[in-house]
Amino acid sequence: MKKTKSLYQDLKPKRKDWVLALISLTFVAMGFFLLPKNRDVGIVTIAFFGVCAGTFLTTIFRKLRESKFQSISVGVSGGVDIKPSRLRVWLMAFLLISLGTILAVFGDSYPFLLGILAYVIAGFGILLVAMILFGTIPVGFLRFDPDGFRIGRRKWTILLPWDEIAEVRAGEFNSNAAVFLFLRSYDRIRTEPEEFYQKAIQEILSSEGWIGSHFMILTSNYGMSSPVLAEAIERYKSQPEAREELNRTRIEM
């Protein structure tokens, strides 16, 4: 049986992704070659470019998976907050602290600027840990409700009525998986509390000017695939009869 062509082929890895991964892997191999002759240089090279290679390869595998996604009928739990992944932020903090520490300990033979970079990287990791512990990050949520799609911020939420969503598009932003939302108008959107309405409009206009869409959701933050989220929003946007499902808090696929 002939396979159906995916609607998301544009999400496949670009040449730049493969080139960057290949360059990073080449430097990792050079690091292993250097280990017997200069242990410190070898360790620093492996650590730095290993992180780079891991990042680029993760992006490539994600893009390959999402580009092959086949359209399905997606249902979600209505009225349930979909929150950003705390584990993802913890892993990022741990990675930054580990990399910064390795560069600081084994980078004596490198220029002074590398030492500064090492402490900056580790410092960012420590800052992330502090922000997690104090509840500063991650914040917000996504929620599917019968009356619309809700996006939560730290102190307020915005409701996008299903009929006001003109277009949903899966894509990427700076190599991060993203879903872009375009509105028909701003007339029927609501905020809770209401006094944040003007702030929401300012955010929408700013997003339109900088990104080209009214809202952008970085789906990796929520541990989601961009085609899956886009398909779910598209279903409830275009099928009013399906919105009744969102009164029931259970998952349907």
C-alpha atoms as a PDB file:
ATOM      1  CA  MET A   1       0.000   0.000   0.000  1.00  0.00           C
ATOM      2  CA  LYS A   2       1.379   3.397  -0.964  1.00  0.00           C
ATOM      3  CA  LYS A   3       2.211   5.663   1.969  1.00  0.00           C
ATOM      4  CA  THR A   4       0.335   8.934   2.272  1.00  0.00           C
ATOM      5  CA  LYS A   5       2.530  11.965   1.862  1.00  0.00           C
ATOM      6  CA  SER A   6       2.913  13.885   5.109  1.00  0.00           C
ATOM      7  CA  LEU A   7       1.522  17.421   5.290  1.00  0.00           C
ATOM      8  CA  TYR A   8       4.528  18.427   7.385  1.00  0.00           C
ATOM      9  CA  GLN A   9       7.400  17.662   5.039  1.00  0.00           C
ATOM     10  CA  ASP A  10       8.561  21.273   5.297  1.00  0.00           C
ATOM     11  CA  LEU A  11       9.584  20.517   8.879  1.00  0.00           C
ATOM     12  CA  LYS A  12      12.324  18.104   7.794  1.00  0.00           C
ATOM     13  CA  PRO A  13      15.946  18.936   8.711  1.00  0.00           C
ATOM     14  CA  LYS A  14      17.673  21.594   6.637  1.00  0.00           C
ATOM     15  CA  ARG A  15      21.165  21.272   5.194  1.00  0.00           C
ATOM     16  CA  LYS A  16      22.417  23.596   7.934  1.00  0.00           C
ATOM     17  CA  ASP A  17      21.284  21.113  10.607  1.00  0.00           C
ATOM     18  CA  TRP A  18      23.266  18.268   9.062  1.00  0.00           C
ATOM     19  CA  VAL A  19      26.363  20.442   8.515  1.00  0.00           C
ATOM     20  CA  LEU A  20      26.411  21.714  12.097  1.00  0.00           C
ATOM     21  CA  ALA A  21      25.970  18.181  13.465  1.00  0.00           C
ATOM     22  CA  LEU A  22      28.771  16.864  11.245  1.00  0.00           C
ATOM     23  CA  ILE A  23      31.159  19.658  12.271  1.00  0.00           C
ATOM     24  CA  SER A  24      30.437  19.054  15.958  1.00  0.00           C
ATOM     25  CA  LEU A  25      30.934  15.286  15.635  1.00  0.00           C
ATOM     26  CA  THR A  26      34.208  15.893  13.808  1.00  0.00           C
ATOM     27  CA  PHE A  27      35.498  18.001  16.705  1.00  0.00           C
ATOM     28  CA  VAL A  28      34.351  15.352  19.188  1.00  0.00           C
ATOM     29  CA  ALA A  29      36.386  12.759  17.264  1.00  0.00           C
ATOM     30  CA  MET A  30      39.376  15.132  17.310  1.00  0.00           C
ATOM     31  CA  GLY A  31      38.942  15.454  21.074  1.00  0.00           C
ATOM     32  CA  PHE A  32      39.252  11.699  21.533  1.00  0.00           C
ATOM     33  CA  PHE A  33      42.325  11.754  19.283  1.00  0.00           C
ATOM     34  CA  LEU A  34      43.889  14.463  21.476  1.00  0.00           C
ATOM     35  CA  LEU A  35      43.214  12.719  24.803  1.00  0.00           C
ATOM     36  CA  PRO A  36      46.456  10.658  24.924  1.00  0.00           C
ATOM     37  CA  LYS A  37      48.589  13.694  23.973  1.00  0.00           C
ATOM     38  CA  ASN A  38      46.840  16.484  25.885  1.00  0.00           C
ATOM     39  CA  ARG A  39      44.186  15.267  28.275  1.00  0.00           C
ATOM     40  CA  ASP A  40      42.807  18.687  29.260  1.00  0.00           C
ATOM     41  CA  VAL A  41      42.410  19.947  25.689  1.00  0.00           C
ATOM     42  CA  GLY A  42      40.809  16.651  24.710  1.00  0.00           C
ATOM     43  CA  ILE A  43      38.303  16.752  27.587  1.00  0.00           C
ATOM     44  CA  VAL A  44      37.314  20.378  26.898  1.00  0.00           C
ATOM     45  CA  THR A  45      36.904  19.690  23.189  1.00  0.00           C
ATOM     46  CA  ILE A  46      34.789  16.579  23.797  1.00  0.00           C
ATOM     47  CA  ALA A  47      32.612  18.301  26.397  1.00  0.00           C
ATOM     48  CA  PHE A  48      31.918  21.489  24.440  1.00  0.00           C
ATOM     49  CA  PHE A  49      31.371  19.968  21.022  1.00  0.00           C
ATOM     50  CA  GLY A  50      29.657  16.934  22.529  1.00  0.00           C
ATOM     51  CA  VAL A  51      26.949  19.224  23.886  1.00  0.00           C
ATOM     52  CA  CYS A  52      26.739  20.925  20.488  1.00  0.00           C
ATOM     53  CA  ALA A  53      26.501  17.594  18.666  1.00  0.00           C
ATOM     54  CA  GLY A  54      23.839  16.323  21.069  1.00  0.00           C
ATOM     55  CA  THR A  55      21.784  19.474  20.560  1.00  0.00           C
ATOM     56  CA  PHE A  56      22.008  19.371  16.769  1.00  0.00           C
ATOM     57  CA  LEU A  57      21.291  15.624  16.579  1.00  0.00           C
ATOM     58  CA  THR A  58      18.280  15.979  18.884  1.00  0.00           C
ATOM     59  CA  THR A  59      16.948  18.707  16.592  1.00  0.00           C
ATOM     60  CA  ILE A  60      17.511  16.547  13.514  1.00  0.00           C
ATOM     61  CA  PHE A  61      15.716  13.518  14.981  1.00  0.00           C
ATOM     62  CA  ARG A  62      12.809  15.714  16.112  1.00  0.00           C
ATOM     63  CA  LYS A  63      12.477  17.280  12.671  1.00  0.00           C
ATOM     64  CA  LEU A  64      12.618  13.876  10.978  1.00  0.00           C
ATOM     65  CA  ARG A  65       9.875  12.572  13.261  1.00  0.00           C
ATOM     66  CA  GLU A  66       7.637  15.614  12.870  1.00  0.00           C
ATOM     67  CA  SER A  67       8.110  15.803   9.095  1.00  0.00           C
ATOM     68  CA  LYS A  68       6.739  12.254   8.779  1.00  0.00           C
ATOM     69  CA  PHE A  69       3.700  12.929  10.956  1.00  0.00           C
ATOM     70  CA  GLN A  70       0.463  11.708   9.398  1.00  0.00           C
ATOM     71  CA  SER A  71      -2.713  13.696  10.013  1.00  0.00           C
ATOM     72  CA  ILE A  72      -5.020  12.031  12.520  1.00  0.00           C
ATOM     73  CA  SER A  73      -8.104  12.955  14.475  1.00  0.00           C
ATOM     74  CA  VAL A  74      -6.720  14.244  17.758  1.00  0.00           C
ATOM     75  CA  GLY A  75      -8.762  14.690  20.917  1.00  0.00           C
ATOM     76  CA  VAL A  76      -7.517  16.100  24.211  1.00  0.00           C
ATOM     77  CA  SER A  77      -8.589  16.404  27.830  1.00  0.00           C
ATOM     78  CA  GLY A  78     -10.926  19.349  28.197  1.00  0.00           C
ATOM     79  CA  GLY A  79     -10.387  21.775  31.072  1.00  0.00           C
ATOM     80  CA  VAL A  80      -6.983  20.317  32.001  1.00  0.00           C
ATOM     81  CA  ASP A  81      -3.962  22.621  32.245  1.00  0.00           C
ATOM     82  CA  ILE A  82      -1.049  21.513  30.055  1.00  0.00           C
ATOM     83  CA  LYS A  83       1.965  22.907  31.889  1.00  0.00           C
ATOM     84  CA  PRO A  84       5.580  23.382  30.752  1.00  0.00           C
ATOM     85  CA  SER A  85       7.970  20.582  31.593  1.00  0.00           C
ATOM     86  CA  ARG A  86       9.970  21.207  34.794  1.00  0.00           C
ATOM     87  CA  LEU A  87      12.173  18.212  33.956  1.00  0.00           C
ATOM     88  CA  ARG A  88      13.323  19.888  30.754  1.00  0.00           C
ATOM     89  CA  VAL A  89      14.442  22.987  32.666  1.00  0.00           C
ATOM     90  CA  TRP A  90      16.199  20.889  35.308  1.00  0.00           C
ATOM     91  CA  LEU A  91      18.080  18.997  32.596  1.00  0.00           C
ATOM     92  CA  MET A  92      19.088  22.276  30.950  1.00  0.00           C
ATOM     93  CA  ALA A  93      20.365  23.637  34.279  1.00  0.00           C
ATOM     94  CA  PHE A  94      22.318  20.451  35.007  1.00  0.00           C
ATOM     95  CA  LEU A  95      23.841  20.477  31.526  1.00  0.00           C
ATOM     96  CA  LEU A  96      24.961  24.106  31.804  1.00  0.00           C
ATOM     97  CA  ILE A  97      26.467  23.630  35.268  1.00  0.00           C
ATOM     98  CA  SER A  98      28.290  20.455  34.187  1.00  0.00           C
ATOM     99  CA  LEU A  99      29.641  21.999  30.990  1.00  0.00           C
ATOM    100  CA  GLY A 100      30.734  25.202  32.724  1.00  0.00           C
ATOM    101  CA  THR A 101      32.481  23.209  35.466  1.00  0.00           C
ATOM    102  CA  ILE A 102      34.358  21.030  32.964  1.00  0.00           C
ATOM    103  CA  LEU A 103      35.491  24.061  30.976  1.00  0.00           C
ATOM    104  CA  ALA A 104      36.641  25.844  34.147  1.00  0.00           C
ATOM    105  CA  VAL A 105      38.536  22.843  35.578  1.00  0.00           C
ATOM    106  CA  PHE A 106      40.217  21.595  32.403  1.00  0.00           C
ATOM    107  CA  GLY A 107      40.450  24.817  30.381  1.00  0.00           C
ATOM    108  CA  ASP A 108      43.645  26.284  31.892  1.00  0.00           C
ATOM    109  CA  SER A 109      45.556  25.969  28.625  1.00  0.00           C
ATOM    110  CA  TYR A 110      42.902  27.940  26.751  1.00  0.00           C
ATOM    111  CA  PRO A 111      42.720  31.743  26.469  1.00  0.00           C
ATOM    112  CA  PHE A 112      41.427  33.783  29.410  1.00  0.00           C
ATOM    113  CA  LEU A 113      38.135  34.448  27.625  1.00  0.00           C
ATOM    114  CA  LEU A 114      37.287  30.745  27.723  1.00  0.00           C
ATOM    115  CA  GLY A 115      37.608  30.836  31.490  1.00  0.00           C
ATOM    116  CA  ILE A 116      35.136  33.705  31.633  1.00  0.00           C
ATOM    117  CA  LEU A 117      32.812  31.804  29.304  1.00  0.00           C
ATOM    118  CA  ALA A 118      33.018  28.743  31.559  1.00  0.00           C
ATOM    119  CA  TYR A 119      31.869  30.703  34.615  1.00  0.00           C
ATOM    120  CA  VAL A 120      29.138  32.445  32.612  1.00  0.00           C
ATOM    121  CA  ILE A 121      27.778  29.081  31.406  1.00  0.00           C
ATOM    122  CA  ALA A 122      27.841  27.583  34.906  1.00  0.00           C
ATOM    123  CA  GLY A 123      26.334  30.793  36.292  1.00  0.00           C
ATOM    124  CA  PHE A 124      23.382  30.546  33.934  1.00  0.00           C
ATOM    125  CA  GLY A 125      22.828  26.970  35.090  1.00  0.00           C
ATOM    126  CA  ILE A 126      22.859  28.032  38.746  1.00  0.00           C
ATOM    127  CA  LEU A 127      20.477  30.875  37.917  1.00  0.00           C
ATOM    128  CA  LEU A 128      18.061  28.408  36.310  1.00  0.00           C
ATOM    129  CA  VAL A 129      18.162  26.241  39.448  1.00  0.00           C
ATOM    130  CA  ALA A 130      17.388  29.257  41.632  1.00  0.00           C
ATOM    131  CA  MET A 131      14.513  30.311  39.372  1.00  0.00           C
ATOM    132  CA  ILE A 132      13.048  26.800  39.467  1.00  0.00           C
ATOM    133  CA  LEU A 133      13.293  26.609  43.260  1.00  0.00           C
ATOM    134  CA  PHE A 134      11.650  30.019  43.692  1.00  0.00           C
ATOM    135  CA  GLY A 135       8.890  29.117  41.234  1.00  0.00           C
ATOM    136  CA  THR A 136       9.858  31.769  38.700  1.00  0.00           C
ATOM    137  CA  ILE A 137      10.080  29.201  35.890  1.00  0.00           C
ATOM    138  CA  PRO A 138       8.456  27.407  34.252  1.00  0.00           C
ATOM    139  CA  VAL A 139       5.119  29.234  34.301  1.00  0.00           C
ATOM    140  CA  GLY A 140       1.937  29.338  32.254  1.00  0.00           C
ATOM    141  CA  PHE A 141      -0.250  26.652  30.720  1.00  0.00           C
ATOM    142  CA  LEU A 142      -2.331  25.701  27.692  1.00  0.00           C
ATOM    143  CA  ARG A 143      -5.931  24.544  28.039  1.00  0.00           C
ATOM    144  CA  PHE A 144      -8.623  23.292  25.688  1.00  0.00           C
ATOM    145  CA  ASP A 145     -12.070  24.470  26.786  1.00  0.00           C
ATOM    146  CA  PRO A 146     -15.460  24.260  25.021  1.00  0.00           C
ATOM    147  CA  ASP A 147     -15.504  28.039  24.547  1.00  0.00           C
ATOM    148  CA  GLY A 148     -11.958  28.350  23.225  1.00  0.00           C
ATOM    149  CA  PHE A 149      -8.229  27.829  23.592  1.00  0.00           C
ATOM    150  CA  ARG A 150      -6.741  29.296  26.769  1.00  0.00           C
ATOM    151  CA  ILE A 151      -3.153  30.433  27.166  1.00  0.00           C
ATOM    152  CA  GLY A 152      -2.021  31.059  30.718  1.00  0.00           C
ATOM    153  CA  ARG A 153       0.547  33.622  31.765  1.00  0.00           C
ATOM    154  CA  ARG A 154       1.997  34.255  35.224  1.00  0.00           C
ATOM    155  CA  LYS A 155      -0.810  36.548  36.445  1.00  0.00           C
ATOM    156  CA  TRP A 156      -3.463  36.292  33.749  1.00  0.00           C
ATOM    157  CA  THR A 157      -4.956  34.113  31.042  1.00  0.00           C
ATOM    158  CA  ILE A 158      -6.240  34.850  27.564  1.00  0.00           C
ATOM    159  CA  LEU A 159      -9.120  33.052  25.880  1.00  0.00           C
ATOM    160  CA  LEU A 160      -9.092  32.652  22.103  1.00  0.00           C
ATOM    161  CA  PRO A 161     -12.620  31.637  20.985  1.00  0.00           C
ATOM    162  CA  TRP A 162     -12.425  28.778  18.500  1.00  0.00           C
ATOM    163  CA  ASP A 163     -14.211  30.737  15.775  1.00  0.00           C
ATOM    164  CA  GLU A 164     -11.732  33.619  16.120  1.00  0.00           C
ATOM    165  CA  ILE A 165      -8.733  31.422  15.261  1.00  0.00           C
ATOM    166  CA  ALA A 166      -8.200  31.901  11.532  1.00  0.00           C
ATOM    167  CA  GLU A 167      -5.175  29.665  10.968  1.00  0.00           C
ATOM    168  CA  VAL A 168      -2.931  27.224  12.824  1.00  0.00           C
ATOM    169  CA  ARG A 169       0.500  26.431  11.484  1.00  0.00           C
ATOM    170  CA  ALA A 170       3.193  24.043  12.727  1.00  0.00           C
ATOM    171  CA  GLY A 171       6.722  25.295  12.161  1.00  0.00           C
ATOM    172  CA  GLU A 172       9.868  26.278  13.983  1.00  0.00           C
ATOM    173  CA  PHE A 173      11.483  29.312  15.542  1.00  0.00           C
ATOM    174  CA  ASN A 174      15.284  29.368  15.854  1.00  0.00           C
ATOM    175  CA  SER A 175      15.311  25.572  15.413  1.00  0.00           C
ATOM    176  CA  ASN A 176      12.693  25.125  18.165  1.00  0.00           C
ATOM    177  CA  ALA A 177       9.416  23.360  17.401  1.00  0.00           C
ATOM    178  CA  ALA A 178       6.576  25.876  17.424  1.00  0.00           C
ATOM    179  CA  VAL A 179       2.910  26.356  16.618  1.00  0.00           C
ATOM    180  CA  PHE A 180       1.799  29.707  15.209  1.00  0.00           C
ATOM    181  CA  LEU A 181      -1.725  31.039  15.696  1.00  0.00           C
ATOM    182  CA  PHE A 182      -3.399  33.698  13.549  1.00  0.00           C
ATOM    183  CA  LEU A 183      -6.610  35.442  14.654  1.00  0.00           C
ATOM    184  CA  ARG A 184      -9.501  36.786  12.616  1.00  0.00           C
ATOM    185  CA  SER A 185      -9.943  39.763  14.955  1.00  0.00           C
ATOM    186  CA  TYR A 186      -9.333  40.844  18.537  1.00  0.00           C
ATOM    187  CA  ASP A 187     -12.979  41.677  19.278  1.00  0.00           C
ATOM    188  CA  ARG A 188     -14.000  38.491  21.073  1.00  0.00           C
ATOM    189  CA  ILE A 189     -10.831  37.520  22.895  1.00  0.00           C
ATOM    190  CA  ARG A 190     -11.077  37.755  26.666  1.00  0.00           C
ATOM    191  CA  THR A 191      -8.636  37.944  29.524  1.00  0.00           C
ATOM    192  CA  GLU A 192      -8.962  36.863  33.124  1.00  0.00           C
ATOM    193  CA  PRO A 193      -8.742  39.232  35.005  1.00  0.00           C
ATOM    194  CA  GLU A 194     -10.293  41.679  32.537  1.00  0.00           C
ATOM    195  CA  GLU A 195      -7.843  44.497  33.341  1.00  0.00           C
ATOM    196  CA  PHE A 196      -5.129  42.628  31.434  1.00  0.00           C
ATOM    197  CA  TYR A 197      -7.002  42.968  28.131  1.00  0.00           C
ATOM    198  CA  GLN A 198      -4.872  45.863  26.857  1.00  0.00           C
ATOM    199  CA  LYS A 199      -1.716  44.016  27.857  1.00  0.00           C
ATOM    200  CA  ALA A 200      -2.901  41.040  25.810  1.00  0.00           C
ATOM    201  CA  ILE A 201      -3.536  43.254  22.778  1.00  0.00           C
ATOM    202  CA  GLN A 202      -0.044  44.756  23.120  1.00  0.00           C
ATOM    203  CA  GLU A 203       1.433  41.251  23.267  1.00  0.00           C
ATOM    204  CA  ILE A 204      -0.501  40.221  20.143  1.00  0.00           C
ATOM    205  CA  LEU A 205       0.625  43.282  18.183  1.00  0.00           C
ATOM    206  CA  SER A 206       4.220  42.844  19.314  1.00  0.00           C
ATOM    207  CA  SER A 207       4.195  39.170  18.294  1.00  0.00           C
ATOM    208  CA  GLU A 208       2.717  40.055  14.912  1.00  0.00           C
ATOM    209  CA  GLY A 209       5.473  42.606  14.315  1.00  0.00           C
ATOM    210  CA  TRP A 210       8.409  40.468  15.457  1.00  0.00           C
ATOM    211  CA  ILE A 211       7.337  36.937  14.565  1.00  0.00           C
ATOM    212  CA  GLY A 212       4.608  37.371  11.964  1.00  0.00           C
ATOM    213  CA  SER A 213       1.884  35.552  13.900  1.00  0.00           C
ATOM    214  CA  HIS A 214      -0.396  36.637  16.716  1.00  0.00           C
ATOM    215  CA  PHE A 215       0.749  33.859  19.044  1.00  0.00           C
ATOM    216  CA  MET A 216       3.678  31.472  19.060  1.00  0.00           C
ATOM    217  CA  ILE A 217       3.784  28.380  21.270  1.00  0.00           C
ATOM    218  CA  LEU A 218       7.136  26.617  21.689  1.00  0.00           C
ATOM    219  CA  THR A 219       5.820  23.087  21.940  1.00  0.00           C
ATOM    220  CA  SER A 220       9.085  21.551  23.186  1.00  0.00           C
ATOM    221  CA  ASN A 221       8.556  23.425  26.455  1.00  0.00           C
ATOM    222  CA  TYR A 222       5.425  21.330  26.976  1.00  0.00           C
ATOM    223  CA  GLY A 223       6.942  18.054  25.795  1.00  0.00           C
ATOM    224  CA  MET A 224       4.653  18.069  22.760  1.00  0.00           C
ATOM    225  CA  SER A 225       5.040  17.626  19.034  1.00  0.00           C
ATOM    226  CA  SER A 226       4.115  20.715  17.029  1.00  0.00           C
ATOM    227  CA  PRO A 227       2.016  18.765  14.459  1.00  0.00           C
ATOM    228  CA  VAL A 228       0.030  17.104  17.259  1.00  0.00           C
ATOM    229  CA  LEU A 229      -0.808  20.418  18.931  1.00  0.00           C
ATOM    230  CA  ALA A 230      -1.566  22.043  15.580  1.00  0.00           C
ATOM    231  CA  GLU A 231      -3.889  19.162  14.607  1.00  0.00           C
ATOM    232  CA  ALA A 232      -5.721  19.346  17.937  1.00  0.00           C
ATOM    233  CA  ILE A 233      -6.325  23.093  17.680  1.00  0.00           C
ATOM    234  CA  GLU A 234      -7.315  22.780  14.023  1.00  0.00           C
ATOM    235  CA  ARG A 235      -9.872  20.090  14.860  1.00  0.00           C
ATOM    236  CA  TYR A 236     -11.734  22.141  17.446  1.00  0.00           C
ATOM    237  CA  LYS A 237     -11.385  25.284  15.363  1.00  0.00           C
ATOM    238  CA  SER A 238     -12.952  23.754  12.264  1.00  0.00           C
ATOM    239  CA  GLN A 239     -15.371  21.223  13.839  1.00  0.00           C
ATOM    240  CA  PRO A 240     -17.799  22.967  16.214  1.00  0.00           C
ATOM    241  CA  GLU A 241     -19.528  19.679  17.003  1.00  0.00           C
ATOM    242  CA  ALA A 242     -16.263  18.263  18.399  1.00  0.00           C
ATOM    243  CA  ARG A 243     -16.052  20.991  21.061  1.00  0.00           C
ATOM    244  CA  GLU A 244     -18.656  19.205  23.156  1.00  0.00           C
ATOM    245  CA  GLU A 245     -15.987  16.585  23.911  1.00  0.00           C
ATOM    246  CA  LEU A 246     -14.072  19.193  25.874  1.00  0.00           C
ATOM    247  CA  ASN A 247     -16.774  19.110  28.546  1.00  0.00           C
ATOM    248  CA  ARG A 248     -15.488  15.633  29.391  1.00  0.00           C
ATOM    249  CA  THR A 249     -12.100  15.482  31.089  1.00  0.00           C
ATOM    250  CA  ARG A 250     -10.683  12.394  29.416  1.00  0.00           C
ATOM    251  CA  ILE A 251      -8.311  11.759  26.546  1.00  0.00           C
ATOM    252  CA  GLU A 252      -9.624  10.522  23.225  1.00  0.00           C
ATOM    253  CA  MET A 253      -7.518   9.521  20.225  1.00  0.00           C
END
